Amino acid sequence: MIQRVQSLFLFFSAIFSITIIYNFPVLYDETAEYFLRDNFSYPRLCMFLSAGLSIFSVFQFRNRKRQHLIVSFARLMLTLAFFLIIILHLDEKSFGLGIFLLIIPFLSLIAANYFINRDEKLINSADRIR
């Protein structure tokens, strides 16, 4: 369902992940800026997977446990992308704006997970009343 709060957070996470890939430099040195779209294959793949999982999770609203699992896996993909950027490509380069902006989709996935859990508790409490 599109009107739920977690759906907005999931869409925001997907859109911002794609925006980071194409518009913000992740690393830079004296001669060039390094964008995810150009130089980083594995971190870029993890970011696309995270964005795709976020959008797929919106349509799993009938099964909240599966939605929770998919969102957790999307968070894992963002974390993996972050560490791959740091481990594989930080020899003598400085951090760009994109590496810090990875926190925003991660936090929106955490907020989506919170609202998914809140929906689950609401449904369980309604089942107890019946």
Foldseek 3Di string as FASTA:
>chain_A
DCPAPLLVLLQVLLVLLVCQQPPWFFWADPPDTHHNVPDPDQLNVLSNQLSVLSNVLSVVLVDLVVSLVSLVVSLVSLVVSLVCCVVVPVDPIGGIPSSVSSVSSNVSSVVSSVSSVVVVVVVVVVVVVD
